[in-house]
Amino acid sequence: LGNLFWVLAYDTEYAMVDRDDDLKIGMKTSAITLGRFDVAAIVAFYLLLVLIWGVALAPLALGVPFWLAMGLVLAQVAWHFTLIRHRTREGCFTAFTSNHWIGFTLFAGIVASYALR
């Protein structure tokens, strides 16, 4: 479920890049559907990703590396907000293309937690 919100976040960032073109051809995207709430929704989607992963993985007691990684993901979410808040094509595209760092950070936190047990 957390991954679903992650996909919604980065897909909406990408949809914001093409919003003007999509409106011209009548395409319905998440960015168009969310309208002026697109940025808030993206941040909420990312926060739901972090919350769901945190709740799901907390019982595994992964320790400090995992929680540090979660903190780094939150920092990346804040950075994404700064990129998309003005809804520029460049900012939204940069947020979309750098999204893999969120996944890498989560992965690295889990791997480091198991490696340091």
N, C-alpha and C. Protein backbone atom coordinates (compact mmCIF):
# COMPACT_ATOMS: atom_id res chain seq x y z
N LEU A 1 0.83 -1.20 0.00
CA LEU A 1 0.00 0.00 0.00
C LEU A 1 0.88 1.26 0.00
N GLY A 2 1.97 1.21 0.75
CA GLY A 2 2.90 2.35 0.76
C GLY A 2 3.44 2.63 -0.63
N ASN A 3 3.75 1.56 -1.36
CA ASN A 3 4.28 1.73 -2.72
C ASN A 3 3.25 2.36 -3.65
N LEU A 4 1.98 2.08 -3.43
CA LEU A 4 0.93 2.70 -4.24
C LEU A 4 0.97 4.22 -4.09
N PHE A 5 1.13 4.68 -2.85
CA PHE A 5 1.21 6.13 -2.63
C PHE A 5 2.49 6.71 -3.21
N TRP A 6 3.56 5.93 -3.20
CA TRP A 6 4.81 6.38 -3.81
C TRP A 6 4.60 6.59 -5.31
N VAL A 7 3.96 5.60 -5.96
CA VAL A 7 3.68 5.71 -7.39
C VAL A 7 2.79 6.91 -7.68
N LEU A 8 1.76 7.11 -6.87
CA LEU A 8 0.88 8.27 -7.07
C LEU A 8 1.67 9.57 -6.97
N ALA A 9 2.62 9.63 -6.05
CA ALA A 9 3.41 10.85 -5.87
C ALA A 9 4.27 11.13 -7.09
N TYR A 10 5.08 10.15 -7.49
CA TYR A 10 5.99 10.46 -8.60
C TYR A 10 5.27 10.52 -9.94
N ASP A 11 4.18 9.79 -10.10
CA ASP A 11 3.43 9.88 -11.34
C ASP A 11 2.77 11.25 -11.48
N THR A 12 2.30 11.78 -10.37
CA THR A 12 1.69 13.11 -10.41
C THR A 12 2.74 14.18 -10.68
N GLU A 13 3.95 14.00 -10.13
CA GLU A 13 5.04 14.93 -10.46
C GLU A 13 5.27 14.94 -11.97
N TYR A 14 5.29 13.76 -12.56
CA TYR A 14 5.50 13.68 -14.01
C TYR A 14 4.32 14.27 -14.77
N ALA A 15 3.10 14.01 -14.29
CA ALA A 15 1.92 14.56 -14.96
C ALA A 15 1.90 16.08 -14.91
N MET A 16 2.50 16.66 -13.89
CA MET A 16 2.56 18.12 -13.80
C MET A 16 3.43 18.72 -14.90
N VAL A 17 4.40 17.94 -15.38
CA VAL A 17 5.28 18.41 -16.46
C VAL A 17 4.47 18.65 -17.73
N ASP A 18 3.54 17.76 -18.03
CA ASP A 18 2.77 17.80 -19.28
C ASP A 18 1.36 18.35 -19.12
N ARG A 19 1.07 18.97 -17.99
CA ARG A 19 -0.30 19.41 -17.72
C ARG A 19 -0.90 20.25 -18.85
N ASP A 20 -0.19 21.25 -19.32
CA ASP A 20 -0.73 22.13 -20.37
C ASP A 20 -1.04 21.36 -21.65
N ASP A 21 -0.13 20.49 -22.04
CA ASP A 21 -0.36 19.68 -23.25
C ASP A 21 -1.53 18.72 -23.05
N ASP A 22 -1.61 18.12 -21.87
CA ASP A 22 -2.70 17.17 -21.59
C ASP A 22 -4.05 17.87 -21.59
N LEU A 23 -4.11 19.08 -21.09
CA LEU A 23 -5.37 19.84 -21.12
C LEU A 23 -5.81 20.12 -22.56
N LYS A 24 -4.86 20.41 -23.44
CA LYS A 24 -5.18 20.70 -24.84
C LYS A 24 -5.79 19.50 -25.55
N ILE A 25 -5.31 18.31 -25.21
CA ILE A 25 -5.81 17.11 -25.91
C ILE A 25 -6.91 16.39 -25.12
N GLY A 26 -7.29 16.95 -23.98
CA GLY A 26 -8.39 16.38 -23.22
C GLY A 26 -8.03 15.16 -22.39
N MET A 27 -6.76 14.96 -22.13
CA MET A 27 -6.33 13.81 -21.34
C MET A 27 -6.54 14.10 -19.85
N LYS A 28 -7.00 13.10 -19.13
CA LYS A 28 -7.20 13.23 -17.69
C LYS A 28 -6.02 12.58 -16.98
N THR A 29 -5.31 13.38 -16.19
CA THR A 29 -4.18 12.86 -15.42
C THR A 29 -4.41 13.21 -13.95
N SER A 30 -3.59 12.63 -13.10
CA SER A 30 -3.72 12.94 -11.67
C SER A 30 -3.48 14.42 -11.40
N ALA A 31 -2.55 15.03 -12.11
CA ALA A 31 -2.28 16.46 -11.90
C ALA A 31 -3.49 17.31 -12.27
N ILE A 32 -4.19 16.93 -13.32
CA ILE A 32 -5.39 17.67 -13.73
C ILE A 32 -6.53 17.40 -12.76
N THR A 33 -6.70 16.14 -12.38
CA THR A 33 -7.77 15.77 -11.46
C THR A 33 -7.60 16.46 -10.11
N LEU A 34 -6.37 16.53 -9.61
CA LEU A 34 -6.12 17.13 -8.30
C LEU A 34 -6.16 18.66 -8.35
N GLY A 35 -6.01 19.23 -9.54
CA GLY A 35 -6.09 20.68 -9.70
C GLY A 35 -5.12 21.44 -8.82
N ARG A 36 -5.63 22.44 -8.11
CA ARG A 36 -4.75 23.28 -7.29
C ARG A 36 -4.24 22.56 -6.04
N PHE A 37 -4.74 21.36 -5.79
CA PHE A 37 -4.29 20.58 -4.64
C PHE A 37 -3.20 19.58 -5.01
N ASP A 38 -2.66 19.68 -6.22
CA ASP A 38 -1.68 18.71 -6.69
C ASP A 38 -0.44 18.65 -5.81
N VAL A 39 0.11 19.79 -5.45
CA VAL A 39 1.33 19.81 -4.64
C VAL A 39 1.05 19.23 -3.25
N ALA A 40 -0.04 19.66 -2.64
CA ALA A 40 -0.40 19.14 -1.31
C ALA A 40 -0.64 17.64 -1.36
N ALA A 41 -1.27 17.17 -2.42
CA ALA A 41 -1.54 15.74 -2.56
C ALA A 41 -0.24 14.95 -2.70
N ILE A 42 0.69 15.47 -3.48
CA ILE A 42 1.97 14.78 -3.66
C ILE A 42 2.69 14.65 -2.32
N VAL A 43 2.73 15.73 -1.57
CA VAL A 43 3.38 15.67 -0.25
C VAL A 43 2.64 14.67 0.64
N ALA A 44 1.32 14.69 0.61
CA ALA A 44 0.54 13.73 1.41
C ALA A 44 0.82 12.30 0.96
N PHE A 45 0.92 12.06 -0.34
CA PHE A 45 1.23 10.72 -0.83
C PHE A 45 2.58 10.25 -0.31
N TYR A 46 3.58 11.13 -0.37
CA TYR A 46 4.91 10.76 0.14
C TYR A 46 4.86 10.50 1.65
N LEU A 47 4.13 11.33 2.39
CA LEU A 47 4.04 11.12 3.83
C LEU A 47 3.33 9.81 4.15
N LEU A 48 2.33 9.46 3.36
CA LEU A 48 1.66 8.17 3.56
C LEU A 48 2.61 7.02 3.26
N LEU A 49 3.45 7.16 2.25
CA LEU A 49 4.47 6.16 1.98
C LEU A 49 5.34 5.94 3.22
N VAL A 50 5.86 7.02 3.78
CA VAL A 50 6.74 6.92 4.95
C VAL A 50 5.98 6.34 6.14
N LEU A 51 4.78 6.80 6.38
CA LEU A 51 3.98 6.30 7.50
C LEU A 51 3.70 4.81 7.37
N ILE A 52 3.24 4.39 6.21
CA ILE A 52 2.88 2.98 6.01
C ILE A 52 4.11 2.09 6.10
N TRP A 53 5.22 2.49 5.47
CA TRP A 53 6.45 1.69 5.58
C TRP A 53 6.92 1.65 7.03
N GLY A 54 6.86 2.77 7.72
CA GLY A 54 7.28 2.81 9.12
C GLY A 54 6.46 1.89 9.99
N VAL A 55 5.15 1.94 9.84
CA VAL A 55 4.26 1.08 10.63
C VAL A 55 4.46 -0.39 10.25
N ALA A 56 4.60 -0.66 8.97
CA ALA A 56 4.75 -2.05 8.51
C ALA A 56 6.07 -2.66 8.95
N LEU A 57 7.13 -1.85 8.97
CA LEU A 57 8.46 -2.39 9.28
C LEU A 57 8.88 -2.20 10.73
N ALA A 58 8.17 -1.42 11.50
CA ALA A 58 8.52 -1.21 12.91
C ALA A 58 8.59 -2.51 13.70
N PRO A 59 7.67 -3.47 13.49
CA PRO A 59 7.77 -4.72 14.24
C PRO A 59 9.06 -5.52 13.98
N LEU A 60 9.74 -5.23 12.89
CA LEU A 60 10.98 -5.94 12.59
C LEU A 60 12.16 -5.39 13.38
N ALA A 61 11.96 -4.31 14.11
CA ALA A 61 13.00 -3.69 14.93
C ALA A 61 14.30 -3.53 14.14
N LEU A 62 14.21 -2.85 13.01
CA LEU A 62 15.36 -2.71 12.13
C LEU A 62 16.44 -1.80 12.71
N GLY A 63 16.09 -0.95 13.61
CA GLY A 63 17.10 -0.14 14.29
C GLY A 63 17.42 1.18 13.62
N VAL A 64 18.51 1.76 14.10
CA VAL A 64 18.90 3.12 13.74
C VAL A 64 19.10 3.32 12.23
N PRO A 65 19.78 2.41 11.52
CA PRO A 65 19.97 2.67 10.08
C PRO A 65 18.66 2.86 9.31
N PHE A 66 17.67 2.05 9.64
CA PHE A 66 16.39 2.18 8.96
C PHE A 66 15.73 3.52 9.27
N TRP A 67 15.74 3.91 10.54
CA TRP A 67 15.07 5.15 10.92
C TRP A 67 15.83 6.37 10.42
N LEU A 68 17.15 6.25 10.32
CA LEU A 68 17.91 7.33 9.67
C LEU A 68 17.52 7.45 8.20
N ALA A 69 17.37 6.32 7.55
CA ALA A 69 16.95 6.33 6.15
C ALA A 69 15.57 6.96 6.01
N MET A 70 14.67 6.64 6.93
CA MET A 70 13.34 7.24 6.88
C MET A 70 13.43 8.76 7.04
N GLY A 71 14.32 9.21 7.91
CA GLY A 71 14.54 10.65 8.07
C GLY A 71 15.08 11.28 6.79
N LEU A 72 15.99 10.56 6.13
CA LEU A 72 16.53 11.06 4.86
C LEU A 72 15.44 11.11 3.78
N VAL A 73 14.54 10.14 3.81
CA VAL A 73 13.42 10.17 2.86
C VAL A 73 12.55 11.40 3.12
N LEU A 74 12.30 11.70 4.38
CA LEU A 74 11.51 12.90 4.69
C LEU A 74 12.23 14.16 4.20
N ALA A 75 13.55 14.18 4.32
CA ALA A 75 14.31 15.32 3.79
C ALA A 75 14.17 15.41 2.28
N GLN A 76 14.15 14.26 1.61
CA GLN A 76 13.96 14.26 0.16
C GLN A 76 12.56 14.73 -0.22
N VAL A 77 11.58 14.36 0.60
CA VAL A 77 10.21 14.82 0.35
C VAL A 77 10.17 16.35 0.45
N ALA A 78 10.85 16.90 1.45
CA ALA A 78 10.91 18.37 1.58
C ALA A 78 11.57 18.99 0.35
N TRP A 79 12.63 18.35 -0.14
CA TRP A 79 13.32 18.85 -1.34
C TRP A 79 12.38 18.79 -2.56
N HIS A 80 11.63 17.67 -2.68
CA HIS A 80 10.67 17.55 -3.78
C HIS A 80 9.65 18.68 -3.70
N PHE A 81 9.20 18.99 -2.50
CA PHE A 81 8.25 20.09 -2.34
C PHE A 81 8.83 21.39 -2.88
N THR A 82 10.11 21.66 -2.56
CA THR A 82 10.71 22.90 -3.06
C THR A 82 10.81 22.90 -4.58
N LEU A 83 10.96 21.72 -5.17
CA LEU A 83 11.05 21.62 -6.63
C LEU A 83 9.71 21.82 -7.32
N ILE A 84 8.63 21.31 -6.72
CA ILE A 84 7.33 21.30 -7.40
C ILE A 84 6.40 22.43 -6.98
N ARG A 85 6.70 23.13 -5.91
CA ARG A 85 5.74 24.09 -5.36
C ARG A 85 5.34 25.20 -6.33
N HIS A 86 6.23 25.56 -7.25
CA HIS A 86 5.90 26.60 -8.23
C HIS A 86 5.37 26.02 -9.55
N ARG A 87 5.31 24.69 -9.59
CA ARG A 87 4.72 23.96 -10.72
C ARG A 87 5.43 24.21 -12.06
N THR A 88 6.71 24.49 -12.02
CA THR A 88 7.45 24.67 -13.27
C THR A 88 7.75 23.31 -13.88
N ARG A 89 7.81 23.26 -15.19
CA ARG A 89 8.14 22.00 -15.86
C ARG A 89 9.49 21.48 -15.40
N GLU A 90 10.47 22.37 -15.30
CA GLU A 90 11.82 21.96 -14.93
C GLU A 90 11.85 21.38 -13.52
N GLY A 91 11.21 22.07 -12.58
CA GLY A 91 11.19 21.60 -11.20
C GLY A 91 10.48 20.27 -11.05
N CYS A 92 9.33 20.15 -11.70
CA CYS A 92 8.56 18.90 -11.61
C CYS A 92 9.30 17.75 -12.27
N PHE A 93 9.96 18.02 -13.38
CA PHE A 93 10.70 16.96 -14.06
C PHE A 93 11.92 16.55 -13.24
N THR A 94 12.58 17.50 -12.62
CA THR A 94 13.71 17.17 -11.76
C THR A 94 13.25 16.31 -10.59
N ALA A 95 12.12 16.66 -9.99
CA ALA A 95 11.58 15.85 -8.89
C ALA A 95 11.28 14.43 -9.37
N PHE A 96 10.66 14.33 -10.52
CA PHE A 96 10.32 13.00 -11.07
C PHE A 96 11.57 12.18 -11.34
N THR A 97 12.56 12.78 -12.00
CA THR A 97 13.75 12.00 -12.39
C THR A 97 14.67 11.69 -11.22
N SER A 98 14.51 12.38 -10.12
CA SER A 98 15.34 12.08 -8.95
C SER A 98 14.62 11.20 -7.95
N ASN A 99 13.44 10.74 -8.31
CA ASN A 99 12.63 9.95 -7.40
C ASN A 99 13.27 8.63 -7.00
N HIS A 100 14.12 8.10 -7.84
CA HIS A 100 14.75 6.82 -7.52
C HIS A 100 15.57 6.89 -6.24
N TRP A 101 16.00 8.09 -5.85
CA TRP A 101 16.78 8.21 -4.62
C TRP A 101 15.94 7.90 -3.39
N ILE A 102 14.65 8.10 -3.46
CA ILE A 102 13.79 7.72 -2.34
C ILE A 102 13.81 6.21 -2.18
N GLY A 103 13.63 5.50 -3.28
CA GLY A 103 13.68 4.04 -3.23
C GLY A 103 15.03 3.52 -2.79
N PHE A 104 16.09 4.12 -3.31
CA PHE A 104 17.43 3.70 -2.93
C PHE A 104 17.67 3.92 -1.43
N THR A 105 17.21 5.04 -0.92
CA THR A 105 17.40 5.35 0.50
C THR A 105 16.68 4.35 1.38
N LEU A 106 15.44 4.01 1.02
CA LEU A 106 14.70 3.00 1.78
C LEU A 106 15.41 1.65 1.72
N PHE A 107 15.82 1.26 0.54
CA PHE A 107 16.53 -0.01 0.35
C PHE A 107 17.82 -0.04 1.17
N ALA A 108 18.61 1.01 1.06
CA ALA A 108 19.89 1.07 1.77
C ALA A 108 19.68 1.03 3.28
N GLY A 109 18.65 1.69 3.77
CA GLY A 109 18.36 1.66 5.20
C GLY A 109 18.02 0.27 5.70
N ILE A 110 17.25 -0.46 4.92
CA ILE A 110 16.89 -1.83 5.30
C ILE A 110 18.11 -2.74 5.24
N VAL A 111 18.87 -2.65 4.16
CA VAL A 111 20.08 -3.48 4.02
C VAL A 111 21.07 -3.18 5.14
N ALA A 112 21.30 -1.91 5.42
CA ALA A 112 22.24 -1.54 6.49
C ALA A 112 21.76 -2.04 7.84
N SER A 113 20.46 -2.00 8.07
CA SER A 113 19.92 -2.49 9.34
C SER A 113 20.20 -3.97 9.53
N TYR A 114 20.01 -4.75 8.48
CA TYR A 114 20.29 -6.19 8.58
C TYR A 114 21.79 -6.46 8.64
N ALA A 115 22.57 -5.70 7.90
CA ALA A 115 24.02 -5.91 7.88
C ALA A 115 24.67 -5.60 9.23
N LEU A 116 24.10 -4.68 9.96
CA LEU A 116 24.69 -4.26 11.24
C LEU A 116 24.10 -4.97 12.45
N ARG A 117 23.33 -6.00 12.24
CA ARG A 117 22.75 -6.76 13.37
C ARG A 117 23.79 -7.63 14.01
